[in-house]
All heavy atoms as atom14 arrays in JSON, in Angstrom:
{
  "sequence": "QRPVLLRRSVLANALYPLKLAGVAASERQDRARAALDMVGLAALAD",
  "atom14_mask": [
    [1, 1, 1, 1, 1, 1, 1, 1, 1, 0, 0, 0, 0, 0],
    [1, 1, 1, 1, 1, 1, 1, 1, 1, 1, 1, 0, 0, 0],
    [1, 1, 1, 1, 1, 1, 1, 0, 0, 0, 0, 0, 0, 0],
    [1, 1, 1, 1, 1, 1, 1, 0, 0, 0, 0, 0, 0, 0],
    [1, 1, 1, 1, 1, 1, 1, 1, 0, 0, 0, 0, 0, 0],
    [1, 1, 1, 1, 1, 1, 1, 1, 0, 0, 0, 0, 0, 0],
    [1, 1, 1, 1, 1, 1, 1, 1, 1, 1, 1, 0, 0, 0],
    [1, 1, 1, 1, 1, 1, 1, 1, 1, 1, 1, 0, 0, 0],
    [1, 1, 1, 1, 1, 1, 0, 0, 0, 0, 0, 0, 0, 0],
    [1, 1, 1, 1, 1, 1, 1, 0, 0, 0, 0, 0, 0, 0],
    [1, 1, 1, 1, 1, 1, 1, 1, 0, 0, 0, 0, 0, 0],
    [1, 1, 1, 1, 1, 0, 0, 0, 0, 0, 0, 0, 0, 0],
    [1, 1, 1, 1, 1, 1, 1, 1, 0, 0, 0, 0, 0, 0],
    [1, 1, 1, 1, 1, 0, 0, 0, 0, 0, 0, 0, 0, 0],
    [1, 1, 1, 1, 1, 1, 1, 1, 0, 0, 0, 0, 0, 0],
    [1, 1, 1, 1, 1, 1, 1, 1, 1, 1, 1, 1, 0, 0],
    [1, 1, 1, 1, 1, 1, 1, 0, 0, 0, 0, 0, 0, 0],
    [1, 1, 1, 1, 1, 1, 1, 1, 0, 0, 0, 0, 0, 0],
    [1, 1, 1, 1, 1, 1, 1, 1, 1, 0, 0, 0, 0, 0],
    [1, 1, 1, 1, 1, 1, 1, 1, 0, 0, 0, 0, 0, 0],
    [1, 1, 1, 1, 1, 0, 0, 0, 0, 0, 0, 0, 0, 0],
    [1, 1, 1, 1, 0, 0, 0, 0, 0, 0, 0, 0, 0, 0],
    [1, 1, 1, 1, 1, 1, 1, 0, 0, 0, 0, 0, 0, 0],
    [1, 1, 1, 1, 1, 0, 0, 0, 0, 0, 0, 0, 0, 0],
    [1, 1, 1, 1, 1, 0, 0, 0, 0, 0, 0, 0, 0, 0],
    [1, 1, 1, 1, 1, 1, 0, 0, 0, 0, 0, 0, 0, 0],
    [1, 1, 1, 1, 1, 1, 1, 1, 1, 0, 0, 0, 0, 0],
    [1, 1, 1, 1, 1, 1, 1, 1, 1, 1, 1, 0, 0, 0],
    [1, 1, 1, 1, 1, 1, 1, 1, 1, 0, 0, 0, 0, 0],
    [1, 1, 1, 1, 1, 1, 1, 1, 0, 0, 0, 0, 0, 0],
    [1, 1, 1, 1, 1, 1, 1, 1, 1, 1, 1, 0, 0, 0],
    [1, 1, 1, 1, 1, 0, 0, 0, 0, 0, 0, 0, 0, 0],
    [1, 1, 1, 1, 1, 1, 1, 1, 1, 1, 1, 0, 0, 0],
    [1, 1, 1, 1, 1, 0, 0, 0, 0, 0, 0, 0, 0, 0],
    [1, 1, 1, 1, 1, 0, 0, 0, 0, 0, 0, 0, 0, 0],
    [1, 1, 1, 1, 1, 1, 1, 1, 0, 0, 0, 0, 0, 0],
    [1, 1, 1, 1, 1, 1, 1, 1, 0, 0, 0, 0, 0, 0],
    [1, 1, 1, 1, 1, 1, 1, 1, 0, 0, 0, 0, 0, 0],
    [1, 1, 1, 1, 1, 1, 1, 0, 0, 0, 0, 0, 0, 0],
    [1, 1, 1, 1, 0, 0, 0, 0, 0, 0, 0, 0, 0, 0],
    [1, 1, 1, 1, 1, 1, 1, 1, 0, 0, 0, 0, 0, 0],
    [1, 1, 1, 1, 1, 0, 0, 0, 0, 0, 0, 0, 0, 0],
    [1, 1, 1, 1, 1, 0, 0, 0, 0, 0, 0, 0, 0, 0],
    [1, 1, 1, 1, 1, 1, 1, 1, 0, 0, 0, 0, 0, 0],
    [1, 1, 1, 1, 1, 0, 0, 0, 0, 0, 0, 0, 0, 0],
    [1, 1, 1, 1, 1, 1, 1, 1, 0, 0, 0, 0, 0, 0]
  ],
  "atom14_positions": [
    [[-6.7, 16.11, 4.68], [-6.64, 16.98, 3.49], [-5.25, 16.96, 2.87], [-5.11, 16.98, 1.65], [-7.03, 18.4, 3.9], [-7.06, 19.38, 2.74], [-7.52, 20.76, 3.18], [-8.18, 20.92, 4.2], [-7.15, 21.77, 2.42], [0.0, 0.0, 0.0], [0.0, 0.0, 0.0], [0.0, 0.0, 0.0], [0.0, 0.0, 0.0], [0.0, 0.0, 0.0]],
    [[-4.22, 16.94, 3.72], [-2.83, 16.89, 3.24], [-2.16, 15.67, 3.84], [-1.54, 15.75, 4.9], [-2.08, 18.17, 3.62], [-2.63, 19.41, 2.93], [-1.87, 20.66, 3.34], [-2.37, 21.84, 2.67], [-3.41, 22.56, 3.07], [-4.06, 22.2, 4.17], [-3.81, 23.62, 2.4], [0.0, 0.0, 0.0], [0.0, 0.0, 0.0], [0.0, 0.0, 0.0]],
    [[-2.27, 14.53, 3.18], [-1.73, 13.29, 3.76], [-0.21, 13.3, 3.83], [0.47, 13.89, 2.99], [-2.22, 12.21, 2.78], [-2.4, 12.93, 1.48], [-2.87, 14.31, 1.84], [0.0, 0.0, 0.0], [0.0, 0.0, 0.0], [0.0, 0.0, 0.0], [0.0, 0.0, 0.0], [0.0, 0.0, 0.0], [0.0, 0.0, 0.0], [0.0, 0.0, 0.0]],
    [[0.3, 12.67, 4.86], [1.73, 12.5, 5.03], [2.11, 11.12, 4.49], [1.61, 10.1, 4.95], [2.15, 12.62, 6.51], [3.65, 12.36, 6.66], [1.79, 13.99, 7.05], [0.0, 0.0, 0.0], [0.0, 0.0, 0.0], [0.0, 0.0, 0.0], [0.0, 0.0, 0.0], [0.0, 0.0, 0.0], [0.0, 0.0, 0.0], [0.0, 0.0, 0.0]],
    [[2.99, 11.11, 3.49], [3.41, 9.86, 2.87], [4.84, 9.52, 3.27], [5.65, 10.4, 3.53], [3.32, 9.98, 1.34], [1.95, 10.34, 0.77], [2.02, 10.44, -0.74], [0.9, 9.32, 1.18], [0.0, 0.0, 0.0], [0.0, 0.0, 0.0], [0.0, 0.0, 0.0], [0.0, 0.0, 0.0], [0.0, 0.0, 0.0], [0.0, 0.0, 0.0]],
    [[5.12, 8.22, 3.29], [6.48, 7.76, 3.56], [7.37, 8.07, 2.36], [6.92, 8.07, 1.22], [6.48, 6.25, 3.81], [5.61, 5.74, 4.96], [5.64, 4.21, 4.97], [6.09, 6.29, 6.29], [0.0, 0.0, 0.0], [0.0, 0.0, 0.0], [0.0, 0.0, 0.0], [0.0, 0.0, 0.0], [0.0, 0.0, 0.0], [0.0, 0.0, 0.0]],
    [[8.63, 8.28, 2.62], [9.59, 8.52, 1.54], [10.02, 7.16, 0.96], [11.19, 6.78, 1.0], [10.78, 9.32, 2.05], [10.41, 10.73, 2.49], [11.61, 11.47, 3.07], [12.65, 11.67, 2.07], [12.69, 12.68, 1.2], [11.72, 13.58, 1.19], [13.68, 12.79, 0.35], [0.0, 0.0, 0.0], [0.0, 0.0, 0.0], [0.0, 0.0, 0.0]],
    [[9.04, 6.46, 0.45], [9.24, 5.13, -0.12], [8.38, 5.04, -1.36], [7.78, 6.01, -1.81], [8.85, 4.05, 0.89], [9.61, 4.11, 2.22], [9.14, 3.04, 3.18], [9.71, 3.2, 4.52], [9.38, 2.46, 5.56], [8.5, 1.47, 5.43], [9.92, 2.69, 6.74], [0.0, 0.0, 0.0], [0.0, 0.0, 0.0], [0.0, 0.0, 0.0]],
    [[8.3, 3.83, -1.91], [7.49, 3.64, -3.11], [6.01, 3.72, -2.8], [5.58, 3.65, -1.64], [7.81, 2.28, -3.75], [7.29, 1.24, -2.94], [0.0, 0.0, 0.0], [0.0, 0.0, 0.0], [0.0, 0.0, 0.0], [0.0, 0.0, 0.0], [0.0, 0.0, 0.0], [0.0, 0.0, 0.0], [0.0, 0.0, 0.0], [0.0, 0.0, 0.0]],
    [[5.22, 3.85, -3.86], [3.77, 3.84, -3.73], [3.32, 2.55, -3.06], [2.49, 2.56, -2.14], [3.13, 4.02, -5.11], [1.63, 3.72, -5.08], [3.38, 5.45, -5.62], [0.0, 0.0, 0.0], [0.0, 0.0, 0.0], [0.0, 0.0, 0.0], [0.0, 0.0, 0.0], [0.0, 0.0, 0.0], [0.0, 0.0, 0.0], [0.0, 0.0, 0.0]],
    [[3.85, 1.41, -3.52], [3.46, 0.13, -2.94], [3.86, 0.04, -1.47], [3.08, -0.44, -0.63], [4.1, -1.02, -3.72], [3.81, -2.43, -3.18], [2.31, -2.73, -3.16], [4.56, -3.48, -4.01], [0.0, 0.0, 0.0], [0.0, 0.0, 0.0], [0.0, 0.0, 0.0], [0.0, 0.0, 0.0], [0.0, 0.0, 0.0], [0.0, 0.0, 0.0]],
    [[5.05, 0.5, -1.13], [5.5, 0.45, 0.27], [4.58, 1.27, 1.16], [4.32, 0.9, 2.31], [6.93, 0.95, 0.38], [0.0, 0.0, 0.0], [0.0, 0.0, 0.0], [0.0, 0.0, 0.0], [0.0, 0.0, 0.0], [0.0, 0.0, 0.0], [0.0, 0.0, 0.0], [0.0, 0.0, 0.0], [0.0, 0.0, 0.0], [0.0, 0.0, 0.0]],
    [[4.08, 2.38, 0.64], [3.13, 3.19, 1.41], [1.83, 2.44, 1.66], [1.23, 2.57, 2.73], [2.84, 4.5, 0.68], [3.77, 5.62, 1.06], [3.52, 6.36, 1.99], [4.88, 5.72, 0.33], [0.0, 0.0, 0.0], [0.0, 0.0, 0.0], [0.0, 0.0, 0.0], [0.0, 0.0, 0.0], [0.0, 0.0, 0.0], [0.0, 0.0, 0.0]],
    [[1.39, 1.66, 0.68], [0.16, 0.89, 0.85], [0.37, -0.31, 1.77], [-0.57, -0.74, 2.46], [-0.36, 0.42, -0.51], [0.0, 0.0, 0.0], [0.0, 0.0, 0.0], [0.0, 0.0, 0.0], [0.0, 0.0, 0.0], [0.0, 0.0, 0.0], [0.0, 0.0, 0.0], [0.0, 0.0, 0.0], [0.0, 0.0, 0.0], [0.0, 0.0, 0.0]],
    [[1.59, -0.84, 1.8], [1.88, -2.0, 2.65], [2.04, -1.63, 4.12], [1.69, -2.41, 5.01], [3.16, -2.69, 2.16], [3.08, -3.48, 0.87], [4.48, -3.82, 0.37], [2.26, -4.75, 1.07], [0.0, 0.0, 0.0], [0.0, 0.0, 0.0], [0.0, 0.0, 0.0], [0.0, 0.0, 0.0], [0.0, 0.0, 0.0], [0.0, 0.0, 0.0]],
    [[2.57, -0.45, 4.38], [2.96, -0.1, 5.74], [1.81, -0.15, 6.75], [1.96, -0.76, 7.83], [3.62, 1.28, 5.74], [4.17, 1.68, 7.08], [5.23, 0.99, 7.66], [3.63, 2.77, 7.78], [5.74, 1.36, 8.9], [4.13, 3.13, 9.02], [5.18, 2.44, 9.57], [5.68, 2.8, 10.8], [0.0, 0.0, 0.0], [0.0, 0.0, 0.0]],
    [[0.65, 0.44, 6.47], [-0.43, 0.36, 7.47], [-0.94, -1.06, 7.7], [-1.41, -1.39, 8.79], [-1.53, 1.26, 6.9], [-1.21, 1.4, 5.46], [0.26, 1.3, 5.34], [0.0, 0.0, 0.0], [0.0, 0.0, 0.0], [0.0, 0.0, 0.0], [0.0, 0.0, 0.0], [0.0, 0.0, 0.0], [0.0, 0.0, 0.0], [0.0, 0.0, 0.0]],
    [[-0.82, -1.91, 6.7], [-1.21, -3.31, 6.87], [-0.29, -4.01, 7.86], [-0.73, -4.81, 8.69], [-1.2, -4.04, 5.53], [-2.24, -3.55, 4.51], [-1.98, -4.2, 3.16], [-3.65, -3.87, 4.99], [0.0, 0.0, 0.0], [0.0, 0.0, 0.0], [0.0, 0.0, 0.0], [0.0, 0.0, 0.0], [0.0, 0.0, 0.0], [0.0, 0.0, 0.0]],
    [[1.0, -3.69, 7.78], [1.96, -4.25, 8.74], [1.64, -3.76, 10.15], [1.62, -4.55, 11.11], [3.38, -3.86, 8.34], [4.45, -4.41, 9.28], [5.84, -4.0, 8.81], [6.91, -4.54, 9.76], [8.29, -4.15, 9.32], [0.0, 0.0, 0.0], [0.0, 0.0, 0.0], [0.0, 0.0, 0.0], [0.0, 0.0, 0.0], [0.0, 0.0, 0.0]],
    [[1.37, -2.46, 10.28], [1.05, -1.91, 11.6], [-0.21, -2.53, 12.18], [-0.32, -2.71, 13.4], [0.87, -0.39, 11.51], [2.11, 0.46, 11.24], [1.73, 1.93, 11.24], [3.19, 0.19, 12.29], [0.0, 0.0, 0.0], [0.0, 0.0, 0.0], [0.0, 0.0, 0.0], [0.0, 0.0, 0.0], [0.0, 0.0, 0.0], [0.0, 0.0, 0.0]],
    [[-1.16, -2.87, 11.31], [-2.42, -3.44, 11.76], [-2.31, -4.92, 12.08], [-3.29, -5.53, 12.53], [-3.5, -3.22, 10.7], [0.0, 0.0, 0.0], [0.0, 0.0, 0.0], [0.0, 0.0, 0.0], [0.0, 0.0, 0.0], [0.0, 0.0, 0.0], [0.0, 0.0, 0.0], [0.0, 0.0, 0.0], [0.0, 0.0, 0.0], [0.0, 0.0, 0.0]],
    [[-1.15, -5.51, 11.83], [-0.96, -6.91, 12.15], [-1.49, -7.87, 11.11], [-1.7, -9.06, 11.39], [0.0, 0.0, 0.0], [0.0, 0.0, 0.0], [0.0, 0.0, 0.0], [0.0, 0.0, 0.0], [0.0, 0.0, 0.0], [0.0, 0.0, 0.0], [0.0, 0.0, 0.0], [0.0, 0.0, 0.0], [0.0, 0.0, 0.0], [0.0, 0.0, 0.0]],
    [[-1.71, -7.39, 9.89], [-2.18, -8.27, 8.81], [-1.05, -9.25, 8.46], [0.12, -8.87, 8.38], [-2.58, -7.44, 7.58], [-2.94, -8.36, 6.41], [-3.75, -6.53, 7.92], [0.0, 0.0, 0.0], [0.0, 0.0, 0.0], [0.0, 0.0, 0.0], [0.0, 0.0, 0.0], [0.0, 0.0, 0.0], [0.0, 0.0, 0.0], [0.0, 0.0, 0.0]],
    [[-1.4, -10.48, 8.25], [-0.41, -11.51, 7.95], [0.41, -11.12, 6.72], [-0.14, -10.61, 5.73], [-1.1, -12.86, 7.72], [0.0, 0.0, 0.0], [0.0, 0.0, 0.0], [0.0, 0.0, 0.0], [0.0, 0.0, 0.0], [0.0, 0.0, 0.0], [0.0, 0.0, 0.0], [0.0, 0.0, 0.0], [0.0, 0.0, 0.0], [0.0, 0.0, 0.0]],
    [[1.7, -11.39, 6.79], [2.59, -11.02, 5.68], [2.15, -11.63, 4.37], [2.3, -11.03, 3.3], [4.02, -11.44, 6.02], [0.0, 0.0, 0.0], [0.0, 0.0, 0.0], [0.0, 0.0, 0.0], [0.0, 0.0, 0.0], [0.0, 0.0, 0.0], [0.0, 0.0, 0.0], [0.0, 0.0, 0.0], [0.0, 0.0, 0.0], [0.0, 0.0, 0.0]],
    [[1.56, -12.83, 4.42], [1.13, -13.51, 3.21], [-0.04, -12.81, 2.52], [-0.29, -13.04, 1.33], [0.72, -14.95, 3.54], [-0.32, -14.97, 4.5], [0.0, 0.0, 0.0], [0.0, 0.0, 0.0], [0.0, 0.0, 0.0], [0.0, 0.0, 0.0], [0.0, 0.0, 0.0], [0.0, 0.0, 0.0], [0.0, 0.0, 0.0], [0.0, 0.0, 0.0]],
    [[-0.75, -11.93, 3.24], [-1.91, -11.24, 2.68], [-1.61, -9.81, 2.22], [-2.37, -9.24, 1.45], [-3.03, -11.17, 3.73], [-3.58, -12.5, 4.18], [-4.66, -12.31, 5.23], [-5.27, -11.2, 5.27], [-4.9, -13.24, 6.01], [0.0, 0.0, 0.0], [0.0, 0.0, 0.0], [0.0, 0.0, 0.0], [0.0, 0.0, 0.0], [0.0, 0.0, 0.0]],
    [[-0.51, -9.25, 2.73], [-0.31, -7.82, 2.54], [-0.16, -7.39, 1.08], [-0.76, -6.4, 0.64], [0.94, -7.37, 3.32], [0.77, -7.42, 4.82], [2.09, -7.04, 5.5], [2.17, -7.61, 6.83], [3.29, -7.82, 7.49], [4.46, -7.49, 6.92], [3.27, -8.35, 8.7], [0.0, 0.0, 0.0], [0.0, 0.0, 0.0], [0.0, 0.0, 0.0]],
    [[0.63, -8.14, 0.31], [0.87, -7.76, -1.08], [-0.44, -7.72, -1.86], [-0.71, -6.75, -2.58], [1.85, -8.74, -1.73], [3.3, -8.51, -1.37], [3.94, -7.42, -2.23], [3.45, -7.08, -3.31], [5.04, -6.86, -1.75], [0.0, 0.0, 0.0], [0.0, 0.0, 0.0], [0.0, 0.0, 0.0], [0.0, 0.0, 0.0], [0.0, 0.0, 0.0]],
    [[-1.25, -8.76, -1.73], [-2.5, -8.81, -2.49], [-3.43, -7.68, -2.09], [-4.05, -7.04, -2.95], [-3.19, -10.16, -2.28], [-2.5, -11.3, -3.02], [-1.64, -11.01, -3.88], [-2.8, -12.47, -2.71], [0.0, 0.0, 0.0], [0.0, 0.0, 0.0], [0.0, 0.0, 0.0], [0.0, 0.0, 0.0], [0.0, 0.0, 0.0], [0.0, 0.0, 0.0]],
    [[-3.54, -7.42, -0.81], [-4.45, -6.37, -0.36], [-3.96, -4.99, -0.78], [-4.76, -4.14, -1.21], [-4.62, -6.45, 1.17], [-5.51, -7.6, 1.58], [-5.65, -7.76, 3.07], [-6.23, -6.6, 3.75], [-6.67, -6.62, 5.0], [-6.58, -7.75, 5.71], [-7.18, -5.55, 5.56], [0.0, 0.0, 0.0], [0.0, 0.0, 0.0], [0.0, 0.0, 0.0]],
    [[-2.66, -4.77, -0.67], [-2.12, -3.47, -1.06], [-2.26, -3.23, -2.56], [-2.68, -2.15, -3.0], [-0.65, -3.37, -0.65], [0.0, 0.0, 0.0], [0.0, 0.0, 0.0], [0.0, 0.0, 0.0], [0.0, 0.0, 0.0], [0.0, 0.0, 0.0], [0.0, 0.0, 0.0], [0.0, 0.0, 0.0], [0.0, 0.0, 0.0], [0.0, 0.0, 0.0]],
    [[-1.96, -4.24, -3.36], [-2.06, -4.07, -4.81], [-3.52, -3.94, -5.25], [-3.82, -3.18, -6.19], [-1.38, -5.24, -5.52], [0.15, -5.2, -5.38], [0.85, -6.26, -6.19], [2.28, -6.23, -6.0], [3.12, -5.41, -6.64], [2.64, -4.56, -7.55], [4.42, -5.45, -6.41], [0.0, 0.0, 0.0], [0.0, 0.0, 0.0], [0.0, 0.0, 0.0]],
    [[-4.43, -4.64, -4.59], [-5.85, -4.5, -4.93], [-6.33, -3.08, -4.61], [-7.12, -2.49, -5.38], [-6.67, -5.51, -4.16], [0.0, 0.0, 0.0], [0.0, 0.0, 0.0], [0.0, 0.0, 0.0], [0.0, 0.0, 0.0], [0.0, 0.0, 0.0], [0.0, 0.0, 0.0], [0.0, 0.0, 0.0], [0.0, 0.0, 0.0], [0.0, 0.0, 0.0]],
    [[-5.87, -2.51, -3.51], [-6.25, -1.15, -3.16], [-5.68, -0.14, -4.15], [-6.37, 0.81, -4.56], [-5.78, -0.82, -1.75], [0.0, 0.0, 0.0], [0.0, 0.0, 0.0], [0.0, 0.0, 0.0], [0.0, 0.0, 0.0], [0.0, 0.0, 0.0], [0.0, 0.0, 0.0], [0.0, 0.0, 0.0], [0.0, 0.0, 0.0], [0.0, 0.0, 0.0]],
    [[-4.43, -0.34, -4.57], [-3.85, 0.56, -5.58], [-4.59, 0.46, -6.9], [-4.81, 1.48, -7.58], [-2.37, 0.23, -5.77], [-1.44, 0.53, -4.59], [-0.02, 0.09, -4.9], [-1.47, 2.02, -4.25], [0.0, 0.0, 0.0], [0.0, 0.0, 0.0], [0.0, 0.0, 0.0], [0.0, 0.0, 0.0], [0.0, 0.0, 0.0], [0.0, 0.0, 0.0]],
    [[-5.0, -0.73, -7.25], [-5.77, -0.91, -8.48], [-7.11, -0.18, -8.39], [-7.55, 0.45, -9.35], [-5.98, -2.4, -8.75], [-6.69, -2.66, -10.07], [-6.16, -2.23, -11.11], [-7.76, -3.28, -10.06], [0.0, 0.0, 0.0], [0.0, 0.0, 0.0], [0.0, 0.0, 0.0], [0.0, 0.0, 0.0], [0.0, 0.0, 0.0], [0.0, 0.0, 0.0]],
    [[-7.74, -0.25, -7.24], [-9.04, 0.38, -7.05], [-8.97, 1.9, -7.22], [-9.9, 2.52, -7.72], [-9.58, 0.03, -5.66], [-11.03, 0.43, -5.4], [-11.19, 2.07, -4.67], [-10.45, 1.78, -3.06], [0.0, 0.0, 0.0], [0.0, 0.0, 0.0], [0.0, 0.0, 0.0], [0.0, 0.0, 0.0], [0.0, 0.0, 0.0], [0.0, 0.0, 0.0]],
    [[-7.85, 2.51, -6.85], [-7.72, 3.96, -6.98], [-6.98, 4.38, -8.24], [-6.68, 5.56, -8.44], [-7.02, 4.57, -5.74], [-7.76, 4.22, -4.47], [-5.55, 4.15, -5.65], [0.0, 0.0, 0.0], [0.0, 0.0, 0.0], [0.0, 0.0, 0.0], [0.0, 0.0, 0.0], [0.0, 0.0, 0.0], [0.0, 0.0, 0.0], [0.0, 0.0, 0.0]],
    [[-6.65, 3.41, -9.1], [-6.01, 3.73, -10.37], [-4.52, 3.99, -10.29], [-3.96, 4.67, -11.16], [0.0, 0.0, 0.0], [0.0, 0.0, 0.0], [0.0, 0.0, 0.0], [0.0, 0.0, 0.0], [0.0, 0.0, 0.0], [0.0, 0.0, 0.0], [0.0, 0.0, 0.0], [0.0, 0.0, 0.0], [0.0, 0.0, 0.0], [0.0, 0.0, 0.0]],
    [[-3.86, 3.43, -9.29], [-2.42, 3.65, -9.14], [-1.59, 2.38, -9.3], [-0.39, 2.38, -9.0], [-2.11, 4.27, -7.77], [-2.61, 5.7, -7.53], [-2.25, 6.13, -6.11], [-2.03, 6.67, -8.54], [0.0, 0.0, 0.0], [0.0, 0.0, 0.0], [0.0, 0.0, 0.0], [0.0, 0.0, 0.0], [0.0, 0.0, 0.0], [0.0, 0.0, 0.0]],
    [[-2.18, 1.3, -9.77], [-1.46, 0.03, -9.87], [-0.21, 0.16, -10.74], [0.84, -0.43, -10.43], [-2.38, -1.05, -10.43], [0.0, 0.0, 0.0], [0.0, 0.0, 0.0], [0.0, 0.0, 0.0], [0.0, 0.0, 0.0], [0.0, 0.0, 0.0], [0.0, 0.0, 0.0], [0.0, 0.0, 0.0], [0.0, 0.0, 0.0], [0.0, 0.0, 0.0]],
    [[-0.3, 0.94, -11.81], [0.84, 1.08, -12.72], [1.97, 1.9, -12.11], [3.09, 1.9, -12.64], [0.38, 1.72, -14.03], [0.0, 0.0, 0.0], [0.0, 0.0, 0.0], [0.0, 0.0, 0.0], [0.0, 0.0, 0.0], [0.0, 0.0, 0.0], [0.0, 0.0, 0.0], [0.0, 0.0, 0.0], [0.0, 0.0, 0.0], [0.0, 0.0, 0.0]],
    [[1.7, 2.59, -11.01], [2.71, 3.44, -10.38], [3.24, 2.82, -9.09], [3.88, 3.5, -8.28], [2.12, 4.82, -10.07], [1.52, 5.59, -11.25], [1.04, 6.95, -10.78], [2.53, 5.74, -12.38], [0.0, 0.0, 0.0], [0.0, 0.0, 0.0], [0.0, 0.0, 0.0], [0.0, 0.0, 0.0], [0.0, 0.0, 0.0], [0.0, 0.0, 0.0]],
    [[3.04, 1.53, -8.89], [3.38, 0.88, -7.62], [4.85, 1.07, -7.24], [5.17, 1.21, -6.05], [3.05, -0.61, -7.69], [0.0, 0.0, 0.0], [0.0, 0.0, 0.0], [0.0, 0.0, 0.0], [0.0, 0.0, 0.0], [0.0, 0.0, 0.0], [0.0, 0.0, 0.0], [0.0, 0.0, 0.0], [0.0, 0.0, 0.0], [0.0, 0.0, 0.0]],
    [[5.74, 1.1, -8.21], [7.17, 1.18, -7.91], [7.71, 2.62, -7.93], [8.89, 2.85, -7.66], [7.97, 0.35, -8.91], [7.65, -1.14, -8.8], [7.38, -1.59, -7.67], [7.63, -1.82, -9.84], [0.0, 0.0, 0.0], [0.0, 0.0, 0.0], [0.0, 0.0, 0.0], [0.0, 0.0, 0.0], [0.0, 0.0, 0.0], [0.0, 0.0, 0.0]]
  ]
}
């Protein structure tokens, strides 16, 4: 209900769990940006 966010950019928040999950570095940017686009936050990535 009250998510805890990193004190970083919107994009960095989307990238962090992918790193923890062991997703290849070459895939993380695309997956994170696609997820931000899906929720309507792509323009706020930075």
